[in-house]
Amino acid sequence: MKKLLISLIASVALMSAAQAGDAVAGKAKAATCGACHGADGNSLAPNFPKIAAQGERYLVKQITDIKNGVRQVPEMTGFVSALTETDIADIAAFYASQSTASGAADPALVEAGKRIFLGGNEATGVPACIACHGAGGKGMGAAGFPRVAGQHAAYTEKQLKDFYNAKRSNDASSVMRDIASRMHMDEIKAVSSYIQGLK
């Protein structure tokens, strides 16, 4: 647990400051993004993430990582390949300025998901999700930790499984890969559902 906390602190220290974006300019530049993510960043398809109200720093990193091939998202490659740093910053600013739509958790999974989200699993070394994502799941924008509240359960579950299987590796200091590798599949499913219900 101590190593994980040191990794979290180190990852915050190593993150570079993102360029400030222009949300007004970003709205026009994000027009094609709306096909999958929704015009305001509230995707209706559970396999495409909601990006409304997401932190600018996190969005800039993800878009840049996809553009540079650090994060593999084939569906997005064609859309981001021609974006400049300014375009990316503007798009991130636009989506960060939007409000996210909440979802609902599966009542059968709420207690198990809440337990992991708020308290982790000490026996297996899984820290509470609130440590980085906040009690309400709103993330820590300055640190680049993403907002998760209201995110589609299917999307969150896939990301956690990708971290678990090391199919996704653009997490600073391997923090999410380390956490996910300690989780059971039923914990991943439950916490993903709980996150979807956070408002």
Protein backbone atom coordinates (compact mmCIF):
# COMPACT_ATOMS: atom_id res chain seq x y z
CA MET A 1 0.00 0.00 0.00
CA LYS A 2 2.90 2.32 0.84
CA LYS A 3 4.46 1.70 -2.60
CA LEU A 4 1.15 2.54 -4.27
CA LEU A 5 0.89 5.86 -2.43
CA ILE A 6 4.46 6.73 -3.39
CA SER A 7 3.62 5.89 -7.03
CA LEU A 8 0.56 8.15 -6.90
CA ILE A 9 2.57 11.04 -5.52
CA ALA A 10 5.32 10.50 -8.08
CA SER A 11 2.84 10.35 -10.97
CA VAL A 12 1.34 13.69 -9.95
CA ALA A 13 4.82 15.22 -9.74
CA LEU A 14 5.80 13.90 -13.18
CA MET A 15 2.70 15.09 -15.04
CA SER A 16 3.36 18.11 -17.20
CA ALA A 17 1.07 21.09 -17.22
CA ALA A 18 -1.45 21.10 -20.05
CA GLN A 19 -1.91 24.05 -22.39
CA ALA A 20 -4.98 26.12 -21.49
CA GLY A 21 -7.73 25.62 -24.04
CA ASP A 22 -10.52 27.79 -25.46
CA ALA A 23 -13.91 26.15 -24.90
CA VAL A 24 -15.66 28.33 -27.49
CA ALA A 25 -13.17 27.36 -30.21
CA GLY A 26 -13.31 23.78 -28.96
CA LYS A 27 -17.06 23.48 -29.58
CA ALA A 28 -16.60 23.82 -33.35
CA LYS A 29 -13.52 21.59 -33.36
CA ALA A 30 -15.42 18.88 -31.44
CA ALA A 31 -18.20 18.56 -34.03
CA THR A 32 -16.99 15.18 -35.32
CA CYS A 33 -16.45 13.89 -31.75
CA GLY A 34 -20.19 14.16 -31.17
CA ALA A 35 -20.93 11.18 -33.41
CA CYS A 36 -19.65 8.83 -30.69
CA HIS A 37 -19.42 10.94 -27.55
CA GLY A 38 -22.60 13.01 -28.00
CA ALA A 39 -22.74 16.71 -28.89
CA ASP A 40 -22.25 17.67 -25.24
CA GLY A 41 -19.99 14.75 -24.32
CA ASN A 42 -22.76 12.54 -22.93
CA SER A 43 -22.47 9.45 -25.08
CA LEU A 44 -25.62 7.36 -25.38
CA ALA A 45 -23.70 4.22 -26.38
CA PRO A 46 -22.33 2.34 -23.36
CA ASN A 47 -19.10 1.41 -25.14
CA PHE A 48 -18.20 5.07 -25.83
CA PRO A 49 -17.21 7.09 -22.76
CA LYS A 50 -19.00 10.11 -21.44
CA ILE A 51 -16.46 12.91 -21.56
CA ALA A 52 -18.64 15.82 -20.42
CA ALA A 53 -17.21 17.53 -17.31
CA GLN A 54 -14.04 15.47 -17.62
CA GLY A 55 -10.88 17.27 -16.49
CA GLU A 56 -9.00 19.13 -19.22
CA ARG A 57 -5.64 17.73 -18.20
CA TYR A 58 -6.90 14.17 -18.37
CA LEU A 59 -8.59 14.70 -21.77
CA VAL A 60 -5.47 16.32 -23.23
CA LYS A 61 -3.36 13.37 -22.07
CA GLN A 62 -5.75 10.75 -23.45
CA ILE A 63 -6.20 12.43 -26.83
CA THR A 64 -2.45 12.99 -27.13
CA ASP A 65 -1.69 9.39 -26.11
CA ILE A 66 -4.15 8.09 -28.72
CA LYS A 67 -2.68 10.37 -31.39
CA ASN A 68 0.86 9.23 -30.55
CA GLY A 69 -0.06 5.54 -30.39
CA VAL A 70 0.64 5.26 -26.66
CA ARG A 71 -3.00 4.32 -26.08
CA GLN A 72 -4.55 2.08 -28.70
CA VAL A 73 -8.08 3.19 -29.67
CA PRO A 74 -8.41 2.33 -33.40
CA GLU A 75 -11.84 4.01 -33.67
CA MET A 76 -10.27 7.37 -32.77
CA THR A 77 -6.98 7.25 -34.64
CA GLY A 78 -8.32 8.82 -37.84
CA PHE A 79 -10.05 11.62 -35.92
CA VAL A 80 -7.08 12.70 -33.80
CA SER A 81 -4.14 12.24 -36.18
CA ALA A 82 -4.38 15.77 -37.64
CA LEU A 83 -5.14 17.59 -34.38
CA THR A 84 -2.62 20.17 -33.17
CA GLU A 85 -1.80 20.76 -29.49
CA THR A 86 -4.06 23.82 -29.63
CA ASP A 87 -6.92 21.80 -31.16
CA ILE A 88 -6.58 19.17 -28.44
CA ALA A 89 -6.51 21.79 -25.67
CA ASP A 90 -9.58 23.55 -27.12
CA ILE A 91 -11.58 20.32 -27.47
CA ALA A 92 -10.65 19.34 -23.92
CA ALA A 93 -11.73 22.76 -22.63
CA PHE A 94 -15.08 22.46 -24.41
CA TYR A 95 -15.91 19.05 -22.97
CA ALA A 96 -14.65 20.02 -19.52
CA SER A 97 -17.16 22.92 -19.55
CA GLN A 98 -20.15 20.61 -20.15
CA SER A 99 -22.34 18.91 -17.54
CA THR A 100 -22.37 15.15 -17.28
CA ALA A 101 -25.56 13.11 -17.29
CA SER A 102 -25.77 10.54 -14.52
CA GLY A 103 -26.85 6.95 -14.86
CA ALA A 104 -28.18 4.30 -12.50
CA ALA A 105 -26.42 1.50 -10.69
CA ASP A 106 -27.67 -2.09 -10.60
CA PRO A 107 -29.34 -2.29 -7.15
CA ALA A 108 -27.94 -5.80 -6.69
CA LEU A 109 -24.37 -4.49 -7.02
CA VAL A 110 -24.57 -1.21 -5.10
CA GLU A 111 -23.33 -2.44 -1.72
CA ALA A 112 -20.40 -4.40 -3.15
CA GLY A 113 -19.45 -1.54 -5.47
CA LYS A 114 -19.74 1.06 -2.72
CA ARG A 115 -17.51 -1.01 -0.44
CA ILE A 116 -14.71 -1.09 -3.06
CA PHE A 117 -15.16 2.53 -4.13
CA LEU A 118 -15.11 3.94 -0.60
CA GLY A 119 -12.94 1.43 1.22
CA GLY A 120 -11.04 -0.73 -1.25
CA ASN A 121 -10.04 -4.25 -0.24
CA GLU A 122 -7.33 -4.25 2.39
CA ALA A 123 -6.86 -8.02 2.15
CA THR A 124 -5.77 -7.83 -1.50
CA GLY A 125 -4.16 -4.38 -1.39
CA VAL A 126 -6.81 -2.62 -3.48
CA PRO A 127 -7.00 1.02 -2.36
CA ALA A 128 -10.28 2.93 -2.18
CA CYS A 129 -11.17 4.56 -5.51
CA ILE A 130 -11.88 7.81 -3.63
CA ALA A 131 -8.14 8.22 -3.03
CA CYS A 132 -7.70 9.51 -6.60
CA HIS A 133 -11.22 9.92 -7.96
CA GLY A 134 -12.76 11.68 -4.94
CA ALA A 135 -15.71 10.68 -2.75
CA GLY A 136 -18.20 11.79 -5.42
CA GLY A 137 -16.16 10.39 -8.30
CA LYS A 138 -15.45 13.87 -9.69
CA GLY A 139 -11.73 13.21 -10.08
CA MET A 140 -8.81 15.52 -9.34
CA GLY A 141 -8.40 17.74 -12.35
CA ALA A 142 -5.11 19.37 -11.31
CA ALA A 143 -3.53 15.96 -10.81
CA GLY A 144 -4.96 14.57 -14.04
CA PHE A 145 -7.04 11.92 -12.25
CA PRO A 146 -10.26 11.43 -14.24
CA ARG A 147 -13.84 12.05 -13.30
CA VAL A 148 -15.64 8.70 -13.16
CA ALA A 149 -19.06 9.68 -11.75
CA GLY A 150 -21.90 8.67 -14.08
CA GLN A 151 -19.59 6.86 -16.52
CA HIS A 152 -21.15 3.94 -18.40
CA ALA A 153 -20.64 0.74 -16.40
CA ALA A 154 -19.74 -1.19 -19.56
CA TYR A 155 -17.02 1.31 -20.46
CA THR A 156 -15.54 1.41 -16.95
CA GLU A 157 -15.59 -2.37 -16.72
CA LYS A 158 -13.75 -2.68 -20.04
CA GLN A 159 -11.09 -0.16 -18.98
CA LEU A 160 -10.49 -1.93 -15.67
CA LYS A 161 -10.23 -5.28 -17.46
CA ASP A 162 -7.83 -3.75 -19.99
CA PHE A 163 -5.67 -2.49 -17.13
CA TYR A 164 -5.97 -5.91 -15.46
CA ASN A 165 -4.76 -7.65 -18.63
CA ALA A 166 -2.19 -4.91 -19.39
CA LYS A 167 -3.95 -4.17 -22.70
CA ARG A 168 -4.03 -0.54 -21.64
CA SER A 169 -0.75 0.86 -20.38
CA ASN A 170 -0.90 4.66 -20.49
CA ASP A 171 -1.46 5.03 -16.74
CA ALA A 172 1.28 7.00 -15.00
CA SER A 173 3.63 4.80 -12.96
CA SER A 174 1.44 1.75 -13.77
CA VAL A 175 -0.92 2.77 -10.95
CA MET A 176 -4.16 1.53 -12.52
CA ARG A 177 -2.54 -1.64 -13.84
CA ASP A 178 -1.32 -2.42 -10.33
CA ILE A 179 -4.72 -1.73 -8.77
CA ALA A 180 -6.75 -3.61 -11.39
CA SER A 181 -4.41 -6.62 -11.22
CA ARG A 182 -5.41 -7.06 -7.57
CA MET A 183 -9.16 -6.95 -8.26
CA HIS A 184 -11.51 -9.87 -8.76
CA MET A 185 -13.83 -9.76 -11.78
CA ASP A 186 -16.89 -9.48 -9.51
CA GLU A 187 -15.30 -6.44 -7.82
CA ILE A 188 -14.67 -4.83 -11.21
CA LYS A 189 -18.28 -5.41 -12.25
CA ALA A 190 -19.69 -4.10 -8.96
CA VAL A 191 -17.55 -0.96 -8.76
CA SER A 192 -18.24 -0.17 -12.43
CA SER A 193 -21.96 -0.33 -11.78
CA TYR A 194 -21.64 1.77 -8.62
CA ILE A 195 -19.68 4.43 -10.54
CA GLN A 196 -22.42 4.61 -13.18
CA GLY A 197 -24.89 5.54 -10.44
CA LEU A 198 -22.76 8.31 -8.91
CA LYS A 199 -24.30 11.73 -9.44
